Amino acid sequence: MVVQLIPVILLAIAIRTFLGETNPAIHRATRSDLDTALIAGRSVYSSQILT
C-alpha cells in the first residue's frame, strides 16, 4: 500500500508544479490576444469615422 502511495504523492506534486508554471503563460497569452483585439477594434473604429 505504501508503495502505491508514493507515486500518487509524486504525481500530485508534479501536477501542481505543472499547473503553477502554465497559468502565468496562459495569462500572458490572453493579455496579448486582448491587446491585439483592442488595436484591431481601434483601427476599425477610426476607419469608420474617417469615411
PDB file of N, CA and C in Angstrom:
ATOM      1  N   MET A   1       0.829  -1.193   0.000  1.00  0.00           N
ATOM      2  CA  MET A   1       0.000   0.000   0.000  1.00  0.00           C
ATOM      3  C   MET A   1       0.874   1.257   0.000  1.00  0.00           C
ATOM      4  N   VAL A   2       1.922   1.262   0.779  1.00  0.00           N
ATOM      5  CA  VAL A   2       2.831   2.414   0.830  1.00  0.00           C
ATOM      6  C   VAL A   2       3.511   2.601  -0.524  1.00  0.00           C
ATOM      7  N   VAL A   3       3.823   1.482  -1.184  1.00  0.00           N
ATOM      8  CA  VAL A   3       4.471   1.556  -2.497  1.00  0.00           C
ATOM      9  C   VAL A   3       3.543   2.219  -3.510  1.00  0.00           C
ATOM     10  N   GLN A   4       2.269   2.014  -3.415  1.00  0.00           N
ATOM     11  CA  GLN A   4       1.306   2.651  -4.311  1.00  0.00           C
ATOM     12  C   GLN A   4       1.080   4.111  -3.940  1.00  0.00           C
ATOM     13  N   LEU A   5       1.256   4.451  -2.706  1.00  0.00           N
ATOM     14  CA  LEU A   5       1.012   5.817  -2.250  1.00  0.00           C
ATOM     15  C   LEU A   5       2.107   6.776  -2.710  1.00  0.00           C
ATOM     16  N   ILE A   6       3.341   6.301  -2.764  1.00  0.00           N
ATOM     17  CA  ILE A   6       4.464   7.172  -3.126  1.00  0.00           C
ATOM     18  C   ILE A   6       4.299   7.739  -4.546  1.00  0.00           C
ATOM     19  N   PRO A   7       4.004   6.935  -5.577  1.00  0.00           N
ATOM     20  CA  PRO A   7       3.813   7.542  -6.902  1.00  0.00           C
ATOM     21  C   PRO A   7       2.629   8.510  -6.964  1.00  0.00           C
ATOM     22  N   VAL A   8       1.605   8.250  -6.198  1.00  0.00           N
ATOM     23  CA  VAL A   8       0.460   9.160  -6.184  1.00  0.00           C
ATOM     24  C   VAL A   8       0.868  10.513  -5.615  1.00  0.00           C
ATOM     25  N   ILE A   9       1.642  10.511  -4.575  1.00  0.00           N
ATOM     26  CA  ILE A   9       2.117  11.770  -3.973  1.00  0.00           C
ATOM     27  C   ILE A   9       3.017  12.511  -4.954  1.00  0.00           C
ATOM     28  N   LEU A  10       3.928  11.780  -5.599  1.00  0.00           N
ATOM     29  CA  LEU A  10       4.826  12.418  -6.566  1.00  0.00           C
ATOM     30  C   LEU A  10       4.048  12.977  -7.757  1.00  0.00           C
ATOM     31  N   LEU A  11       3.043  12.265  -8.192  1.00  0.00           N
ATOM     32  CA  LEU A  11       2.217  12.750  -9.301  1.00  0.00           C
ATOM     33  C   LEU A  11       1.441  14.002  -8.900  1.00  0.00           C
ATOM     34  N   ALA A  12       0.932  14.029  -7.698  1.00  0.00           N
ATOM     35  CA  ALA A  12       0.208  15.211  -7.220  1.00  0.00           C
ATOM     36  C   ALA A  12       1.124  16.433  -7.174  1.00  0.00           C
ATOM     37  N   ILE A  13       2.357  16.235  -6.736  1.00  0.00           N
ATOM     38  CA  ILE A  13       3.319  17.340  -6.697  1.00  0.00           C
ATOM     39  C   ILE A  13       3.649  17.803  -8.111  1.00  0.00           C
ATOM     40  N   ALA A  14       3.833  16.853  -9.030  1.00  0.00           N
ATOM     41  CA  ALA A  14       4.170  17.200 -10.408  1.00  0.00           C
ATOM     42  C   ALA A  14       3.037  17.970 -11.078  1.00  0.00           C
ATOM     43  N   ILE A  15       1.805  17.558 -10.866  1.00  0.00           N
ATOM     44  CA  ILE A  15       0.664  18.252 -11.464  1.00  0.00           C
ATOM     45  C   ILE A  15       0.543  19.662 -10.917  1.00  0.00           C
ATOM     46  N   ARG A  16       0.728  19.797  -9.631  1.00  0.00           N
ATOM     47  CA  ARG A  16       0.637  21.131  -9.015  1.00  0.00           C
ATOM     48  C   ARG A  16       1.720  22.055  -9.559  1.00  0.00           C
ATOM     49  N   THR A  17       2.936  21.526  -9.700  1.00  0.00           N
ATOM     50  CA  THR A  17       4.037  22.323 -10.246  1.00  0.00           C
ATOM     51  C   THR A  17       3.769  22.694 -11.692  1.00  0.00           C
ATOM     52  N   PHE A  18       3.284  21.733 -12.479  1.00  0.00           N
ATOM     53  CA  PHE A  18       2.990  21.999 -13.883  1.00  0.00           C
ATOM     54  C   PHE A  18       1.924  23.077 -14.029  1.00  0.00           C
ATOM     55  N   LEU A  19       0.863  22.986 -13.264  1.00  0.00           N
ATOM     56  CA  LEU A  19      -0.199  23.983 -13.349  1.00  0.00           C
ATOM     57  C   LEU A  19       0.278  25.344 -12.876  1.00  0.00           C
ATOM     58  N   GLY A  20       1.170  25.359 -11.913  1.00  0.00           N
ATOM     59  CA  GLY A  20       1.718  26.625 -11.444  1.00  0.00           C
ATOM     60  C   GLY A  20       2.565  27.312 -12.487  1.00  0.00           C
ATOM     61  N   GLU A  21       3.206  26.533 -13.358  1.00  0.00           N
ATOM     62  CA  GLU A  21       4.041  27.099 -14.401  1.00  0.00           C
ATOM     63  C   GLU A  21       3.234  27.512 -15.623  1.00  0.00           C
ATOM     64  N   THR A  22       2.160  26.813 -15.922  1.00  0.00           N
ATOM     65  CA  THR A  22       1.406  27.124 -17.131  1.00  0.00           C
ATOM     66  C   THR A  22       0.459  28.303 -16.952  1.00  0.00           C
ATOM     67  N   ASN A  23      -0.041  28.547 -15.768  1.00  0.00           N
ATOM     68  CA  ASN A  23      -1.002  29.638 -15.568  1.00  0.00           C
ATOM     69  C   ASN A  23      -0.443  31.003 -15.943  1.00  0.00           C
ATOM     70  N   PRO A  24       0.780  31.370 -15.521  1.00  0.00           N
ATOM     71  CA  PRO A  24       1.303  32.679 -15.944  1.00  0.00           C
ATOM     72  C   PRO A  24       1.450  32.790 -17.462  1.00  0.00           C
ATOM     73  N   ALA A  25       1.838  31.698 -18.116  1.00  0.00           N
ATOM     74  CA  ALA A  25       1.972  31.728 -19.574  1.00  0.00           C
ATOM     75  C   ALA A  25       0.612  31.927 -20.234  1.00  0.00           C
ATOM     76  N   ILE A  26      -0.408  31.295 -19.706  1.00  0.00           N
ATOM     77  CA  ILE A  26      -1.754  31.456 -20.254  1.00  0.00           C
ATOM     78  C   ILE A  26      -2.234  32.888 -20.060  1.00  0.00           C
ATOM     79  N   HIS A  27      -1.928  33.473 -18.907  1.00  0.00           N
ATOM     80  CA  HIS A  27      -2.335  34.856 -18.651  1.00  0.00           C
ATOM     81  C   HIS A  27      -1.635  35.817 -19.611  1.00  0.00           C
ATOM     82  N   ARG A  28      -0.344  35.594 -19.869  1.00  0.00           N
ATOM     83  CA  ARG A  28       0.377  36.461 -20.800  1.00  0.00           C
ATOM     84  C   ARG A  28      -0.183  36.331 -22.210  1.00  0.00           C
ATOM     85  N   ALA A  29      -0.492  35.119 -22.638  1.00  0.00           N
ATOM     86  CA  ALA A  29      -1.044  34.908 -23.981  1.00  0.00           C
ATOM     87  C   ALA A  29      -2.408  35.563 -24.107  1.00  0.00           C
ATOM     88  N   THR A  30      -3.226  35.447 -23.078  1.00  0.00           N
ATOM     89  CA  THR A  30      -4.550  36.061 -23.101  1.00  0.00           C
ATOM     90  C   THR A  30      -4.436  37.573 -23.159  1.00  0.00           C
ATOM     91  N   ARG A  31      -3.522  38.110 -22.384  1.00  0.00           N
ATOM     92  CA  ARG A  31      -3.319  39.567 -22.394  1.00  0.00           C
ATOM     93  C   ARG A  31      -2.877  40.048 -23.767  1.00  0.00           C
ATOM     94  N   SER A  32      -1.992  39.296 -24.399  1.00  0.00           N
ATOM     95  CA  SER A  32      -1.528  39.644 -25.731  1.00  0.00           C
ATOM     96  C   SER A  32      -2.674  39.598 -26.740  1.00  0.00           C
ATOM     97  N   ASP A  33      -3.513  38.570 -26.649  1.00  0.00           N
ATOM     98  CA  ASP A  33      -4.665  38.463 -27.547  1.00  0.00           C
ATOM     99  C   ASP A  33      -5.622  39.636 -27.350  1.00  0.00           C
ATOM    100  N   LEU A  34      -5.852  40.011 -26.101  1.00  0.00           N
ATOM    101  CA  LEU A  34      -6.753  41.138 -25.832  1.00  0.00           C
ATOM    102  C   LEU A  34      -6.169  42.450 -26.343  1.00  0.00           C
ATOM    103  N   ASP A  35      -4.871  42.631 -26.201  1.00  0.00           N
ATOM    104  CA  ASP A  35      -4.230  43.842 -26.722  1.00  0.00           C
ATOM    105  C   ASP A  35      -4.360  43.914 -28.236  1.00  0.00           C
ATOM    106  N   THR A  36      -4.166  42.768 -28.905  1.00  0.00           N
ATOM    107  CA  THR A  36      -4.305  42.722 -30.356  1.00  0.00           C
ATOM    108  C   THR A  36      -5.732  43.035 -30.773  1.00  0.00           C
ATOM    109  N   ALA A  37      -6.703  42.493 -30.074  1.00  0.00           N
ATOM    110  CA  ALA A  37      -8.101  42.766 -30.389  1.00  0.00           C
ATOM    111  C   ALA A  37      -8.431  44.236 -30.180  1.00  0.00           C
ATOM    112  N   LEU A  38      -7.891  44.833 -29.139  1.00  0.00           N
ATOM    113  CA  LEU A  38      -8.135  46.254 -28.878  1.00  0.00           C
ATOM    114  C   LEU A  38      -7.549  47.116 -29.992  1.00  0.00           C
ATOM    115  N   ILE A  39      -6.354  46.793 -30.440  1.00  0.00           N
ATOM    116  CA  ILE A  39      -5.736  47.552 -31.531  1.00  0.00           C
ATOM    117  C   ILE A  39      -6.565  47.411 -32.805  1.00  0.00           C
ATOM    118  N   ALA A  40      -7.026  46.199 -33.090  1.00  0.00           N
ATOM    119  CA  ALA A  40      -7.852  45.978 -34.286  1.00  0.00           C
ATOM    120  C   ALA A  40      -9.170  46.743 -34.173  1.00  0.00           C
ATOM    121  N   GLY A  41      -9.775  46.731 -33.007  1.00  0.00           N
ATOM    122  CA  GLY A  41     -11.023  47.464 -32.809  1.00  0.00           C
ATOM    123  C   GLY A  41     -10.848  48.956 -32.987  1.00  0.00           C
ATOM    124  N   ARG A  42      -9.762  49.481 -32.470  1.00  0.00           N
ATOM    125  CA  ARG A  42      -9.494  50.918 -32.648  1.00  0.00           C
ATOM    126  C   ARG A  42      -9.275  51.249 -34.119  1.00  0.00           C
ATOM    127  N   SER A  43      -8.602  50.365 -34.829  1.00  0.00           N
ATOM    128  CA  SER A  43      -8.351  50.588 -36.249  1.00  0.00           C
ATOM    129  C   SER A  43      -9.657  50.606 -37.024  1.00  0.00           C
ATOM    130  N   VAL A  44     -10.545  49.670 -36.771  1.00  0.00           N
ATOM    131  CA  VAL A  44     -11.826  49.637 -37.462  1.00  0.00           C
ATOM    132  C   VAL A  44     -12.653  50.868 -37.095  1.00  0.00           C
ATOM    133  N   TYR A  45     -12.647  51.240 -35.847  1.00  0.00           N
ATOM    134  CA  TYR A  45     -13.415  52.406 -35.393  1.00  0.00           C
ATOM    135  C   TYR A  45     -12.911  53.675 -36.084  1.00  0.00           C
ATOM    136  N   SER A  46     -11.596  53.841 -36.120  1.00  0.00           N
ATOM    137  CA  SER A  46     -11.050  55.065 -36.724  1.00  0.00           C
ATOM    138  C   SER A  46     -11.279  55.085 -38.222  1.00  0.00           C
ATOM    139  N   SER A  47     -11.265  53.939 -38.885  1.00  0.00           N
ATOM    140  CA  SER A  47     -11.532  53.916 -40.320  1.00  0.00           C
ATOM    141  C   SER A  47     -13.009  54.220 -40.614  1.00  0.00           C
ATOM    142  N   GLN A  48     -13.918  53.877 -39.700  1.00  0.00           N
ATOM    143  CA  GLN A  48     -15.338  54.164 -39.889  1.00  0.00           C
ATOM    144  C   GLN A  48     -15.621  55.661 -39.705  1.00  0.00           C
ATOM    145  N   ILE A  49     -14.878  56.283 -38.823  1.00  0.00           N
ATOM    146  CA  ILE A  49     -15.080  57.726 -38.585  1.00  0.00           C
ATOM    147  C   ILE A  49     -14.586  58.534 -39.763  1.00  0.00           C
ATOM    148  N   LEU A  50     -13.493  58.094 -40.387  1.00  0.00           N
ATOM    149  CA  LEU A  50     -12.913  58.840 -41.494  1.00  0.00           C
ATOM    150  C   LEU A  50     -13.730  58.720 -42.777  1.00  0.00           C
ATOM    151  N   THR A  51     -14.562  57.702 -42.898  1.00  0.00           N
ATOM    152  CA  THR A  51     -15.335  57.549 -44.139  1.00  0.00           C
ATOM    153  C   THR A  51     -16.731  58.089 -44.017  1.00  0.00           C
TER     154      THR A  51
END
